[in-house]
Amino acid sequence: MIRVGMISWAHVHAEFRAKALSEIPGVEVVAISDDDVARGRAAAERWGVADFHEDWRDLVKRPDVDIVMVHSENSRHRDQVIAAAEAGKHVFCEKPVATKTEDARAMAEAVRRAGVDGTAAFVSRFSKEADRAKKIVESGVLGKVLLTRSFIGLAGIAEIGCPPDMAEWMNDPVLGGGGAWIDEGSHGVDLLRWLVGDITEVTAMTANRNKPGLDGEDIAVALARYADGGLAEIGTVWSLSADIGMRNSLEIYGTEGTLVMRATDPFPRVEVYRSGDDPLYRGWTTPHIEPDVSEPHDYGSWPPHVHHYKREVASYVNRVQHGLRPFGPTLDDGLACLAVIEAGYASAASGGTAVPVKHL
């Protein structure tokens, strides 16, 4: 049995992951802590967790906790992740893993020193569409990647139904670290790094066009350079007007073909164009994507746009159970992503000059 302790319900993703954990055999949430006592006790009651701690330090010291999941405000991750690692616990941390690269670096170093696993919660990697896109890119059928275009956005934190306390701290530039760019932009950056490779340089612009109560940006656009010389465009919005209030799309243009991923459209899909001499495979195709035989979803109770949370948690639990390291995207991935985000903010602050990414 894998025993999990969960720190904070500040982020609504704690609710998604608690639901996933409750449906996956071989894992149990044994303790919850939250500095918002009423919120934390309500979560413990909702998910049948007997032990609640007002102080998260008491949770990480428990001998019966194998894994600590952190869903606190972004700027509070550092101390909690480091303390959990030093207590010998594997750590699963909500993204962005921190608000400063120096904090993310300290967290990554702490798990290495302790010999435990540190996982960054980049859930967008776990959609079926992203999984298929990864396999297609790795097959080489697109040739050399020349240019990528990523867009990921929301109607807004409150607008998509997140609790008021979450909307409040995410609008705080200290607790949240910024606006749309650090929040949804982190997903876009991580997907590009995962699919294509490291990003070495960023030019960005940010603005607030439709969120007067937000002390930060509700839109951001960045141009980036990959380590191999390819280029990228990344756009993100916190004032999106579209059906379910969110979008995650990606285009990859290669020398031998093109891939389009639409992970949150009304009809999610991947589309592929292949050139070449073989007429059987030349042109546009839309690969059929269906659940794996062992797919963890209970499709009747999981809305399509959050299916990937259970896939993520199921994959994590499976890897822990079988000792497959790393257990998921690492804190080093979180650091690398945050370095791109930080460079983007530095570029925007300087009027859009190119800024090198420094994280190694």
Protein backbone atom coordinates (compact mmCIF):
# COMPACT_ATOMS: atom_id res chain seq x y z
CA MET A 1 0.00 0.00 0.00
CA ILE A 2 1.31 3.47 -0.94
CA ARG A 3 0.48 6.02 1.74
CA VAL A 4 0.05 9.66 0.73
CA GLY A 5 -0.01 12.85 2.77
CA MET A 6 -1.49 15.91 1.05
CA ILE A 7 -0.41 19.45 1.93
CA SER A 8 -2.98 22.20 1.26
CA TRP A 9 -6.19 22.50 -0.71
CA ALA A 10 -5.21 25.99 -1.92
CA HIS A 11 -5.15 24.68 -5.50
CA VAL A 12 -8.24 22.96 -6.90
CA HIS A 13 -6.02 20.31 -8.48
CA ALA A 14 -5.74 18.80 -5.00
CA GLU A 15 -9.41 17.88 -5.32
CA PHE A 16 -8.90 16.26 -8.73
CA ARG A 17 -5.95 14.24 -7.49
CA ALA A 18 -7.67 13.19 -4.27
CA LYS A 19 -10.53 11.88 -6.40
CA ALA A 20 -8.06 10.00 -8.61
CA LEU A 21 -6.26 8.52 -5.61
CA SER A 22 -9.57 7.35 -4.15
CA GLU A 23 -10.30 5.35 -7.33
CA ILE A 24 -6.88 3.71 -7.79
CA PRO A 25 -6.13 0.41 -5.98
CA GLY A 26 -3.04 0.16 -3.82
CA VAL A 27 -2.93 3.75 -2.60
CA GLU A 28 -4.41 5.57 0.39
CA VAL A 29 -4.43 9.19 1.55
CA VAL A 30 -3.60 8.86 5.25
CA ALA A 31 -3.30 12.53 6.23
CA ILE A 32 -4.16 16.05 5.06
CA SER A 33 -2.85 19.39 6.30
CA ASP A 34 -3.95 22.91 5.45
CA ASP A 35 -3.31 26.29 7.05
CA ASP A 36 -6.94 27.06 6.20
CA VAL A 37 -8.31 24.71 8.85
CA ALA A 38 -11.94 24.79 7.73
CA ARG A 39 -10.96 24.08 4.11
CA GLY A 40 -8.60 21.28 5.08
CA ARG A 41 -10.97 19.59 7.52
CA ALA A 42 -13.74 19.72 4.90
CA ALA A 43 -11.45 18.01 2.37
CA ALA A 44 -10.49 15.34 4.91
CA GLU A 45 -14.14 14.65 5.66
CA ARG A 46 -15.06 14.63 1.97
CA TRP A 47 -12.43 12.00 1.14
CA GLY A 48 -12.68 9.94 4.32
CA VAL A 49 -9.22 10.85 5.64
CA ALA A 50 -9.12 10.41 9.42
CA ASP A 51 -6.03 12.48 10.25
CA PHE A 52 -5.84 16.24 9.76
CA HIS A 53 -2.87 18.43 10.72
CA GLU A 54 -3.02 22.20 11.01
CA ASP A 55 0.77 22.33 10.64
CA TRP A 56 2.18 20.70 7.51
CA ARG A 57 5.46 20.03 9.36
CA ASP A 58 3.67 17.44 11.46
CA LEU A 59 2.45 15.70 8.32
CA VAL A 60 5.89 15.36 6.69
CA LYS A 61 7.34 13.83 9.89
CA ARG A 62 4.81 10.98 9.95
CA PRO A 63 6.49 7.57 9.57
CA ASP A 64 3.43 6.20 7.77
CA VAL A 65 3.65 8.69 4.86
CA ASP A 66 5.52 7.54 1.74
CA ILE A 67 4.64 10.42 -0.60
CA VAL A 68 3.84 14.05 0.06
CA MET A 69 1.66 15.88 -2.48
CA VAL A 70 1.96 19.67 -2.38
CA HIS A 71 -0.88 21.90 -3.64
CA SER A 72 -0.18 25.08 -1.67
CA GLU A 73 0.26 28.57 -3.10
CA ASN A 74 3.09 28.65 -5.65
CA SER A 75 5.53 30.68 -3.53
CA ARG A 76 5.12 28.31 -0.56
CA HIS A 77 6.23 25.15 -2.34
CA ARG A 78 9.93 25.51 -1.55
CA ASP A 79 9.90 24.99 2.20
CA GLN A 80 7.34 22.19 2.05
CA VAL A 81 9.10 20.24 -0.71
CA ILE A 82 12.52 20.55 0.92
CA ALA A 83 11.20 19.52 4.35
CA ALA A 84 9.42 16.50 2.86
CA ALA A 85 12.56 15.43 0.99
CA GLU A 86 14.69 15.81 4.11
CA ALA A 87 12.18 13.62 5.95
CA GLY A 88 12.77 10.90 3.34
CA LYS A 89 9.48 11.31 1.46
CA HIS A 90 8.98 11.28 -2.26
CA VAL A 91 7.40 14.59 -3.32
CA PHE A 92 4.77 15.41 -5.93
CA CYS A 93 4.54 19.20 -6.44
CA GLU A 94 1.93 21.24 -8.29
CA LYS A 95 3.21 23.38 -11.14
CA PRO A 96 4.76 25.89 -11.35
CA VAL A 97 7.07 24.26 -8.85
CA ALA A 98 8.05 27.69 -7.50
CA THR A 99 7.91 31.38 -8.40
CA LYS A 100 11.70 31.83 -8.58
CA THR A 101 14.33 29.66 -10.24
CA GLU A 102 16.53 29.88 -7.14
CA ASP A 103 13.74 28.20 -5.14
CA ALA A 104 13.17 25.54 -7.82
CA ARG A 105 16.90 24.81 -7.92
CA ALA A 106 17.02 24.40 -4.14
CA MET A 107 14.08 22.00 -4.31
CA ALA A 108 15.68 19.89 -7.05
CA GLU A 109 18.94 19.76 -5.15
CA ALA A 110 17.15 18.74 -1.93
CA VAL A 111 15.55 15.66 -3.49
CA ARG A 112 18.87 14.64 -5.01
CA ARG A 113 20.64 14.95 -1.67
CA ALA A 114 17.91 12.93 0.06
CA GLY A 115 17.82 10.24 -2.64
CA VAL A 116 14.07 10.59 -3.04
CA ASP A 117 11.98 11.31 -6.13
CA GLY A 118 10.69 14.82 -6.89
CA THR A 119 7.87 15.04 -9.42
CA ALA A 120 6.50 18.17 -11.10
CA ALA A 121 2.77 18.04 -11.83
CA PHE A 122 2.79 18.80 -15.55
CA VAL A 123 -0.57 17.17 -16.15
CA SER A 124 -0.86 18.34 -19.77
CA ARG A 125 1.62 15.62 -20.73
CA PHE A 126 -0.99 13.02 -19.77
CA SER A 127 -3.79 13.76 -22.22
CA LYS A 128 -4.25 11.03 -24.82
CA GLU A 129 -3.62 13.61 -27.53
CA ALA A 130 -0.28 14.70 -26.02
CA ASP A 131 0.71 11.05 -25.62
CA ARG A 132 0.00 10.40 -29.30
CA ALA A 133 1.81 13.59 -30.36
CA LYS A 134 4.88 12.46 -28.41
CA LYS A 135 4.94 9.08 -30.16
CA ILE A 136 4.55 10.70 -33.58
CA VAL A 137 7.35 13.22 -33.00
CA GLU A 138 9.65 10.50 -31.67
CA SER A 139 8.95 8.34 -34.74
CA GLY A 140 10.73 10.92 -36.88
CA VAL A 141 8.00 11.17 -39.54
CA LEU A 142 7.88 14.97 -39.21
CA GLY A 143 11.58 15.29 -40.02
CA LYS A 144 13.56 18.11 -38.46
CA VAL A 145 11.35 20.43 -36.41
CA LEU A 146 11.49 23.97 -37.78
CA LEU A 147 8.78 25.85 -35.92
CA THR A 148 6.20 25.20 -33.22
CA ARG A 149 3.15 27.20 -32.20
CA SER A 150 1.49 26.68 -28.82
CA PHE A 151 -1.64 28.27 -27.41
CA ILE A 152 -3.03 27.51 -23.97
CA GLY A 153 -5.56 29.60 -22.14
CA LEU A 154 -8.51 29.94 -19.79
CA ALA A 155 -11.53 32.17 -19.39
CA GLY A 156 -9.95 33.03 -16.04
CA ILE A 157 -9.40 31.37 -12.69
CA ALA A 158 -12.75 32.37 -11.22
CA GLU A 159 -14.53 32.07 -14.57
CA ILE A 160 -13.80 28.34 -14.95
CA GLY A 161 -15.18 27.64 -11.49
CA CYS A 162 -12.11 27.63 -9.24
CA PRO A 163 -12.89 28.47 -5.59
CA PRO A 164 -12.77 32.16 -4.58
CA ASP A 165 -9.81 31.60 -2.24
CA MET A 166 -7.79 30.15 -5.11
CA ALA A 167 -8.70 33.03 -7.42
CA GLU A 168 -7.59 35.43 -4.69
CA TRP A 169 -4.10 34.03 -4.18
CA MET A 170 -3.49 33.44 -7.88
CA ASN A 171 -4.20 37.13 -8.45
CA ASP A 172 -1.51 37.95 -5.87
CA PRO A 173 1.84 38.54 -7.65
CA VAL A 174 3.80 37.27 -4.62
CA LEU A 175 1.83 34.10 -3.88
CA GLY A 176 1.11 33.24 -7.51
CA GLY A 177 4.26 34.64 -9.10
CA GLY A 178 2.46 36.37 -11.96
CA GLY A 179 -0.58 35.87 -14.15
CA ALA A 180 -1.39 33.88 -17.26
CA TRP A 181 2.24 33.48 -18.32
CA ILE A 182 3.45 31.61 -15.23
CA ASP A 183 0.18 29.69 -14.84
CA GLU A 184 -1.00 28.40 -18.21
CA GLY A 185 2.20 29.39 -19.97
CA SER A 186 4.03 26.84 -17.84
CA HIS A 187 1.97 24.05 -19.43
CA GLY A 188 2.75 25.35 -22.91
CA VAL A 189 6.47 25.63 -22.21
CA ASP A 190 6.66 22.19 -20.63
CA LEU A 191 4.88 20.50 -23.53
CA LEU A 192 7.27 22.10 -26.01
CA ARG A 193 10.32 21.10 -23.98
CA TRP A 194 8.97 17.54 -23.67
CA LEU A 195 8.09 17.20 -27.36
CA VAL A 196 10.87 19.17 -29.03
CA GLY A 197 13.73 20.05 -26.65
CA ASP A 198 15.36 22.65 -24.45
CA ILE A 199 14.61 26.34 -24.95
CA THR A 200 17.61 28.67 -24.77
CA GLU A 201 16.29 32.17 -25.49
CA VAL A 202 12.98 34.04 -25.05
CA THR A 203 11.47 37.29 -26.29
CA ALA A 204 8.11 38.09 -24.69
CA MET A 205 5.39 40.68 -24.22
CA THR A 206 2.66 40.70 -21.56
CA ALA A 207 -0.42 42.84 -21.01
CA ASN A 208 -3.60 43.11 -18.99
CA ARG A 209 -6.51 43.65 -21.36
CA ASN A 210 -9.55 42.35 -19.51
CA LYS A 211 -8.82 41.69 -15.81
CA PRO A 212 -8.77 45.03 -13.96
CA GLY A 213 -8.65 43.26 -10.58
CA LEU A 214 -5.57 41.24 -11.55
CA ASP A 215 -2.18 42.60 -10.52
CA GLY A 216 -0.48 40.96 -13.47
CA GLU A 217 -0.99 39.88 -17.07
CA ASP A 218 -4.04 38.20 -18.55
CA ILE A 219 -2.31 37.73 -21.93
CA ALA A 220 1.25 36.89 -22.94
CA VAL A 221 3.01 36.09 -26.20
CA ALA A 222 6.56 34.79 -26.48
CA LEU A 223 9.00 33.85 -29.21
CA ALA A 224 11.59 31.28 -28.26
CA ARG A 225 14.64 29.52 -29.67
CA TYR A 226 15.34 25.83 -29.17
CA ALA A 227 18.82 24.51 -28.44
CA ASP A 228 18.99 23.04 -31.96
CA GLY A 229 18.08 26.38 -33.59
CA GLY A 230 14.38 25.80 -34.19
CA LEU A 231 11.88 28.50 -33.25
CA ALA A 232 8.68 28.60 -31.22
CA GLU A 233 5.67 30.81 -30.61
CA ILE A 234 3.84 30.55 -27.28
CA GLY A 235 0.59 32.35 -26.49
CA THR A 236 -1.52 32.29 -23.36
CA VAL A 237 -4.70 34.05 -22.21
CA TRP A 238 -6.64 34.31 -18.93
CA SER A 239 -9.62 36.01 -20.61
CA LEU A 240 -10.59 33.39 -23.17
CA SER A 241 -14.09 33.22 -24.62
CA ALA A 242 -14.72 29.63 -25.77
CA ASP A 243 -17.24 26.89 -24.81
CA ILE A 244 -15.66 25.11 -21.78
CA GLY A 245 -13.47 28.12 -21.07
CA MET A 246 -10.14 26.53 -21.88
CA ARG A 247 -7.97 25.62 -24.84
CA ASN A 248 -4.72 23.73 -25.32
CA SER A 249 -3.53 23.49 -28.91
CA LEU A 250 -0.18 22.89 -30.52
CA GLU A 251 1.27 22.95 -34.03
CA ILE A 252 4.59 21.39 -35.00
CA TYR A 253 6.04 22.13 -38.43
CA GLY A 254 8.80 19.81 -39.64
CA THR A 255 10.74 19.32 -42.85
CA GLU A 256 8.76 16.14 -43.66
CA GLY A 257 5.39 16.82 -42.12
CA THR A 258 3.11 18.77 -39.79
CA LEU A 259 1.30 17.86 -36.58
CA VAL A 260 -1.66 19.67 -35.02
CA MET A 261 -2.84 18.73 -31.51
CA ARG A 262 -6.17 19.96 -30.13
CA ALA A 263 -6.35 18.58 -26.60
CA THR A 264 -9.34 20.54 -25.24
CA ASP A 265 -11.49 21.22 -28.28
CA PRO A 266 -15.09 19.91 -28.30
CA PHE A 267 -13.66 17.05 -30.39
CA PRO A 268 -10.07 16.51 -29.16
CA ARG A 269 -7.78 15.10 -31.81
CA VAL A 270 -4.36 14.96 -33.41
CA GLU A 271 -3.98 15.70 -37.12
CA VAL A 272 -0.89 14.76 -39.11
CA TYR A 273 0.31 15.75 -42.56
CA ARG A 274 3.04 13.65 -44.13
CA SER A 275 4.94 14.44 -47.32
CA GLY A 276 7.23 12.02 -49.10
CA ASP A 277 7.05 9.70 -52.08
CA ASP A 278 4.66 7.06 -50.73
CA PRO A 279 1.11 8.02 -51.85
CA LEU A 280 -0.41 5.67 -49.26
CA TYR A 281 0.74 7.86 -46.40
CA ARG A 282 0.98 11.25 -48.08
CA GLY A 283 -1.50 13.94 -46.99
CA TRP A 284 -3.60 14.62 -43.90
CA THR A 285 -4.69 11.88 -41.51
CA THR A 286 -6.44 11.96 -38.13
CA PRO A 287 -5.24 9.00 -36.07
CA HIS A 288 -7.99 7.36 -34.03
CA ILE A 289 -7.22 7.74 -30.34
CA GLU A 290 -9.00 5.35 -28.02
CA PRO A 291 -8.52 4.38 -24.36
CA ASP A 292 -5.84 1.87 -23.48
CA VAL A 293 -7.07 -1.52 -22.30
CA SER A 294 -5.98 -0.62 -18.77
CA GLU A 295 -7.13 3.00 -18.99
CA PRO A 296 -7.76 4.24 -15.43
CA HIS A 297 -10.75 6.45 -16.18
CA ASP A 298 -14.22 6.02 -14.90
CA TYR A 299 -15.56 7.92 -17.90
CA GLY A 300 -18.99 8.38 -16.41
CA SER A 301 -17.70 10.50 -13.53
CA TRP A 302 -14.69 12.28 -15.04
CA PRO A 303 -15.43 15.19 -17.43
CA PRO A 304 -13.38 14.86 -20.66
CA HIS A 305 -11.28 17.97 -19.99
CA VAL A 306 -9.99 16.53 -16.68
CA HIS A 307 -9.47 12.90 -17.76
CA HIS A 308 -5.74 13.49 -17.84
CA TYR A 309 -5.58 14.10 -14.06
CA LYS A 310 -6.49 10.51 -13.37
CA ARG A 311 -4.13 9.28 -16.09
CA GLU A 312 -1.38 11.33 -14.47
CA VAL A 313 -2.02 10.01 -10.95
CA ALA A 314 -2.48 6.43 -12.16
CA SER A 315 0.81 6.62 -14.04
CA TYR A 316 2.52 8.06 -10.97
CA VAL A 317 1.20 5.37 -8.64
CA ASN A 318 2.12 2.63 -11.11
CA ARG A 319 5.68 3.90 -11.42
CA VAL A 320 6.07 4.15 -7.64
CA GLN A 321 4.69 0.64 -7.16
CA HIS A 322 7.13 -0.82 -9.67
CA GLY A 323 10.14 1.35 -8.82
CA LEU A 324 10.29 2.96 -12.25
CA ARG A 325 12.36 6.12 -11.81
CA PRO A 326 11.75 8.91 -12.30
CA PHE A 327 8.11 8.70 -11.28
CA GLY A 328 7.08 11.45 -13.72
CA PRO A 329 8.23 14.87 -14.93
CA THR A 330 10.99 15.82 -12.50
CA LEU A 331 11.69 18.89 -10.41
CA ASP A 332 14.54 19.52 -12.85
CA ASP A 333 11.86 19.76 -15.55
CA GLY A 334 10.04 22.18 -13.27
CA LEU A 335 13.21 24.23 -12.89
CA ALA A 336 13.88 24.28 -16.64
CA CYS A 337 10.29 25.36 -17.35
CA LEU A 338 10.42 28.09 -14.71
CA ALA A 339 13.68 29.39 -16.15
CA VAL A 340 11.89 29.93 -19.48
CA ILE A 341 9.01 31.67 -17.69
CA GLU A 342 11.43 33.86 -15.73
CA ALA A 343 13.29 34.81 -18.92
CA GLY A 344 9.96 35.72 -20.50
CA TYR A 345 9.08 38.06 -17.65
CA ALA A 346 12.55 39.63 -17.84
CA SER A 347 12.12 40.15 -21.57
CA ALA A 348 8.68 41.73 -21.15
CA ALA A 349 10.00 44.04 -18.44
CA SER A 350 12.78 45.21 -20.76
CA GLY A 351 10.41 45.99 -23.62
CA GLY A 352 10.72 42.71 -25.48
CA THR A 353 14.47 42.22 -25.81
CA ALA A 354 15.78 38.66 -26.17
CA VAL A 355 16.79 37.08 -22.84
CA PRO A 356 18.86 33.89 -22.51
CA VAL A 357 17.42 31.07 -20.43
CA LYS A 358 19.63 30.26 -17.45
CA HIS A 359 18.86 27.17 -15.42
CA LEU A 360 21.81 24.79 -15.64
